Amino acid sequence: MSDNESPNTSAICLLAGYVPEQDVAATLGRGLRALRAMRQRGEGPPWVKVSKRVYYPEAGFREWLKQIEQRPVRARKAA
């Protein structure tokens, strides 16, 4: 760490590519309690806990979204 670099700046750089759980909850349109319940059930995107905070890797979150992606259902032909 250089002399003019603060410890907070260093921590932010190390967590680049990870998203705080509040942001993931907001992106999914869910509350923190719902997101935490998903984690407890082993559902949802991959995550990592650093101290007492939970973060989601951006790449893992995108991959999880691809896995739950829904395909449109074809319209039935009229008889």
N, C-alpha and C. Protein backbone atom coordinates (compact mmCIF):
# COMPACT_ATOMS: atom_id res chain seq x y z
N MET A 1 0.85 -1.17 0.00
CA MET A 1 0.00 0.00 0.00
C MET A 1 0.89 1.23 0.00
N SER A 2 0.61 2.16 -0.87
CA SER A 2 1.42 3.37 -0.94
C SER A 2 1.06 4.31 0.20
N ASP A 3 1.92 5.32 0.42
CA ASP A 3 1.71 6.26 1.52
C ASP A 3 0.43 7.07 1.37
N ASN A 4 0.04 7.39 0.13
CA ASN A 4 -1.13 8.24 -0.07
C ASN A 4 -2.42 7.43 -0.29
N GLU A 5 -2.34 6.12 -0.14
CA GLU A 5 -3.52 5.26 -0.33
C GLU A 5 -4.10 4.93 1.04
N SER A 6 -5.40 5.17 1.23
CA SER A 6 -6.02 4.89 2.51
C SER A 6 -6.39 3.41 2.61
N PRO A 7 -6.53 2.89 3.82
CA PRO A 7 -6.91 1.48 3.99
C PRO A 7 -8.26 1.16 3.35
N ASN A 8 -9.22 2.10 3.41
CA ASN A 8 -10.53 1.88 2.80
C ASN A 8 -10.42 1.71 1.29
N THR A 9 -9.59 2.49 0.65
CA THR A 9 -9.39 2.38 -0.79
C THR A 9 -8.85 1.01 -1.13
N SER A 10 -7.95 0.53 -0.34
CA SER A 10 -7.35 -0.79 -0.55
C SER A 10 -8.40 -1.89 -0.43
N ALA A 11 -9.26 -1.80 0.58
CA ALA A 11 -10.31 -2.80 0.78
C ALA A 11 -11.29 -2.78 -0.38
N ILE A 12 -11.63 -1.60 -0.87
CA ILE A 12 -12.55 -1.49 -2.00
C ILE A 12 -11.95 -2.14 -3.22
N CYS A 13 -10.68 -1.96 -3.47
CA CYS A 13 -10.02 -2.57 -4.62
C CYS A 13 -10.02 -4.09 -4.49
N LEU A 14 -9.81 -4.61 -3.32
CA LEU A 14 -9.78 -6.05 -3.12
C LEU A 14 -11.15 -6.68 -3.32
N LEU A 15 -12.22 -5.92 -3.08
CA LEU A 15 -13.58 -6.43 -3.25
C LEU A 15 -14.17 -6.09 -4.62
N ALA A 16 -13.35 -5.58 -5.51
CA ALA A 16 -13.84 -5.29 -6.86
C ALA A 16 -14.35 -6.59 -7.47
N GLY A 17 -15.51 -6.53 -8.08
CA GLY A 17 -16.10 -7.72 -8.67
C GLY A 17 -17.07 -8.43 -7.73
N TYR A 18 -17.23 -7.90 -6.52
CA TYR A 18 -18.17 -8.45 -5.55
C TYR A 18 -19.21 -7.39 -5.21
N VAL A 19 -20.45 -7.83 -5.03
CA VAL A 19 -21.56 -6.92 -4.80
C VAL A 19 -22.12 -7.17 -3.39
N PRO A 20 -22.35 -6.10 -2.60
CA PRO A 20 -22.93 -6.28 -1.26
C PRO A 20 -24.34 -6.86 -1.34
N GLU A 21 -24.74 -7.58 -0.30
CA GLU A 21 -26.04 -8.24 -0.32
C GLU A 21 -27.20 -7.26 -0.47
N GLN A 22 -27.06 -6.03 0.03
CA GLN A 22 -28.13 -5.04 -0.11
C GLN A 22 -28.40 -4.75 -1.59
N ASP A 23 -27.34 -4.65 -2.37
CA ASP A 23 -27.48 -4.36 -3.80
C ASP A 23 -28.10 -5.54 -4.55
N VAL A 24 -27.73 -6.76 -4.16
CA VAL A 24 -28.30 -7.95 -4.80
C VAL A 24 -29.79 -8.04 -4.47
N ALA A 25 -30.14 -7.80 -3.21
CA ALA A 25 -31.55 -7.83 -2.81
C ALA A 25 -32.36 -6.81 -3.61
N ALA A 26 -31.81 -5.61 -3.76
CA ALA A 26 -32.50 -4.57 -4.52
C ALA A 26 -32.64 -4.96 -5.99
N THR A 27 -31.59 -5.55 -6.56
CA THR A 27 -31.62 -5.98 -7.96
C THR A 27 -32.69 -7.04 -8.17
N LEU A 28 -32.82 -7.96 -7.21
CA LEU A 28 -33.81 -9.03 -7.33
C LEU A 28 -35.21 -8.59 -6.91
N GLY A 29 -35.32 -7.39 -6.37
CA GLY A 29 -36.63 -6.90 -5.92
C GLY A 29 -37.11 -7.63 -4.68
N ARG A 30 -36.18 -8.02 -3.84
CA ARG A 30 -36.49 -8.73 -2.60
C ARG A 30 -35.86 -8.01 -1.42
N GLY A 31 -36.33 -8.35 -0.25
CA GLY A 31 -35.75 -7.79 0.96
C GLY A 31 -34.55 -8.61 1.41
N LEU A 32 -33.81 -8.06 2.35
CA LEU A 32 -32.65 -8.77 2.89
C LEU A 32 -33.05 -10.07 3.56
N ARG A 33 -34.19 -10.07 4.24
CA ARG A 33 -34.64 -11.30 4.92
C ARG A 33 -34.91 -12.40 3.91
N ALA A 34 -35.50 -12.06 2.79
CA ALA A 34 -35.79 -13.06 1.75
C ALA A 34 -34.50 -13.61 1.16
N LEU A 35 -33.54 -12.73 0.92
CA LEU A 35 -32.25 -13.14 0.36
C LEU A 35 -31.51 -14.04 1.36
N ARG A 36 -31.55 -13.69 2.62
CA ARG A 36 -30.90 -14.50 3.64
C ARG A 36 -31.58 -15.87 3.79
N ALA A 37 -32.90 -15.89 3.65
CA ALA A 37 -33.63 -17.17 3.71
C ALA A 37 -33.23 -18.05 2.52
N MET A 38 -33.04 -17.45 1.36
CA MET A 38 -32.59 -18.22 0.19
C MET A 38 -31.23 -18.86 0.47
N ARG A 39 -30.32 -18.10 1.08
CA ARG A 39 -29.00 -18.63 1.41
C ARG A 39 -29.11 -19.80 2.38
N GLN A 40 -29.96 -19.67 3.39
CA GLN A 40 -30.12 -20.74 4.38
C GLN A 40 -30.66 -22.01 3.76
N ARG A 41 -31.50 -21.87 2.73
CA ARG A 41 -32.06 -23.04 2.04
C ARG A 41 -31.11 -23.59 0.99
N GLY A 42 -29.98 -22.91 0.78
CA GLY A 42 -29.03 -23.36 -0.24
C GLY A 42 -29.45 -22.97 -1.64
N GLU A 43 -30.29 -21.98 -1.74
CA GLU A 43 -30.77 -21.48 -3.03
C GLU A 43 -30.08 -20.15 -3.33
N GLY A 44 -30.29 -19.68 -4.53
CA GLY A 44 -29.78 -18.37 -4.89
C GLY A 44 -28.36 -18.41 -5.42
N PRO A 45 -27.83 -17.24 -5.70
CA PRO A 45 -26.49 -17.15 -6.28
C PRO A 45 -25.40 -17.48 -5.27
N PRO A 46 -24.20 -17.83 -5.76
CA PRO A 46 -23.09 -18.09 -4.85
C PRO A 46 -22.72 -16.82 -4.07
N TRP A 47 -22.19 -16.99 -2.89
CA TRP A 47 -21.87 -15.85 -2.04
C TRP A 47 -20.64 -16.15 -1.22
N VAL A 48 -20.10 -15.09 -0.62
CA VAL A 48 -18.94 -15.21 0.25
C VAL A 48 -19.16 -14.29 1.45
N LYS A 49 -18.74 -14.75 2.61
CA LYS A 49 -18.87 -13.94 3.81
C LYS A 49 -17.49 -13.45 4.21
N VAL A 50 -17.35 -12.15 4.36
CA VAL A 50 -16.10 -11.53 4.79
C VAL A 50 -16.42 -10.83 6.10
N SER A 51 -15.86 -11.34 7.17
CA SER A 51 -16.17 -10.88 8.51
C SER A 51 -17.66 -11.11 8.74
N LYS A 52 -18.44 -10.06 8.94
CA LYS A 52 -19.88 -10.22 9.14
C LYS A 52 -20.69 -9.81 7.91
N ARG A 53 -20.02 -9.45 6.84
CA ARG A 53 -20.70 -8.97 5.64
C ARG A 53 -20.73 -10.04 4.55
N VAL A 54 -21.82 -10.04 3.79
CA VAL A 54 -21.99 -11.01 2.71
C VAL A 54 -21.88 -10.28 1.38
N TYR A 55 -21.13 -10.89 0.47
CA TYR A 55 -20.95 -10.35 -0.87
C TYR A 55 -21.23 -11.44 -1.89
N TYR A 56 -21.63 -11.01 -3.07
CA TYR A 56 -21.91 -11.92 -4.17
C TYR A 56 -20.95 -11.61 -5.32
N PRO A 57 -20.24 -12.61 -5.82
CA PRO A 57 -19.36 -12.35 -6.97
C PRO A 57 -20.22 -12.05 -8.20
N GLU A 58 -19.87 -10.99 -8.91
CA GLU A 58 -20.65 -10.59 -10.09
C GLU A 58 -20.75 -11.73 -11.10
N ALA A 59 -19.64 -12.41 -11.37
CA ALA A 59 -19.65 -13.50 -12.35
C ALA A 59 -20.56 -14.63 -11.90
N GLY A 60 -20.53 -14.98 -10.63
CA GLY A 60 -21.38 -16.04 -10.10
C GLY A 60 -22.84 -15.66 -10.13
N PHE A 61 -23.12 -14.39 -9.88
CA PHE A 61 -24.50 -13.89 -9.91
C PHE A 61 -25.05 -13.97 -11.33
N ARG A 62 -24.24 -13.56 -12.30
CA ARG A 62 -24.68 -13.62 -13.71
C ARG A 62 -24.90 -15.07 -14.15
N GLU A 63 -24.03 -15.97 -13.74
CA GLU A 63 -24.18 -17.39 -14.09
C GLU A 63 -25.45 -17.96 -13.46
N TRP A 64 -25.73 -17.60 -12.24
CA TRP A 64 -26.95 -18.05 -11.58
C TRP A 64 -28.17 -17.54 -12.31
N LEU A 65 -28.15 -16.29 -12.76
CA LEU A 65 -29.27 -15.74 -13.53
C LEU A 65 -29.49 -16.54 -14.81
N LYS A 66 -28.40 -16.94 -15.48
CA LYS A 66 -28.53 -17.75 -16.69
C LYS A 66 -29.18 -19.09 -16.38
N GLN A 67 -28.84 -19.66 -15.22
CA GLN A 67 -29.38 -20.97 -14.84
C GLN A 67 -30.88 -20.92 -14.56
N ILE A 68 -31.37 -19.79 -14.07
CA ILE A 68 -32.80 -19.70 -13.75
C ILE A 68 -33.59 -19.00 -14.87
N GLU A 69 -32.91 -18.72 -15.96
CA GLU A 69 -33.54 -18.05 -17.09
C GLU A 69 -34.73 -18.87 -17.59
N GLN A 70 -35.81 -18.20 -17.87
CA GLN A 70 -37.02 -18.86 -18.37
C GLN A 70 -37.14 -18.64 -19.87
N ARG A 71 -37.60 -19.65 -20.56
CA ARG A 71 -37.84 -19.55 -21.99
C ARG A 71 -39.33 -19.32 -22.22
N PRO A 72 -39.67 -18.53 -23.23
CA PRO A 72 -41.09 -18.31 -23.50
C PRO A 72 -41.77 -19.60 -23.93
N VAL A 73 -42.99 -19.76 -23.50
CA VAL A 73 -43.77 -20.92 -23.88
C VAL A 73 -44.42 -20.62 -25.23
N ARG A 74 -44.38 -21.58 -26.12
CA ARG A 74 -44.99 -21.37 -27.43
C ARG A 74 -46.51 -21.29 -27.27
N ALA A 75 -47.07 -20.40 -28.05
CA ALA A 75 -48.53 -20.27 -28.04
C ALA A 75 -49.14 -21.51 -28.69
N ARG A 76 -50.23 -21.99 -28.13
CA ARG A 76 -50.91 -23.15 -28.69
C ARG A 76 -51.66 -22.74 -29.94
N LYS A 77 -51.71 -23.64 -30.88
CA LYS A 77 -52.46 -23.37 -32.11
C LYS A 77 -53.94 -23.55 -31.84
N ALA A 78 -54.72 -22.66 -32.40
CA ALA A 78 -56.17 -22.77 -32.25
C ALA A 78 -56.67 -23.99 -32.99
N ALA A 79 -57.58 -24.73 -32.38
CA ALA A 79 -58.10 -25.96 -33.00
C ALA A 79 -59.16 -25.69 -34.01
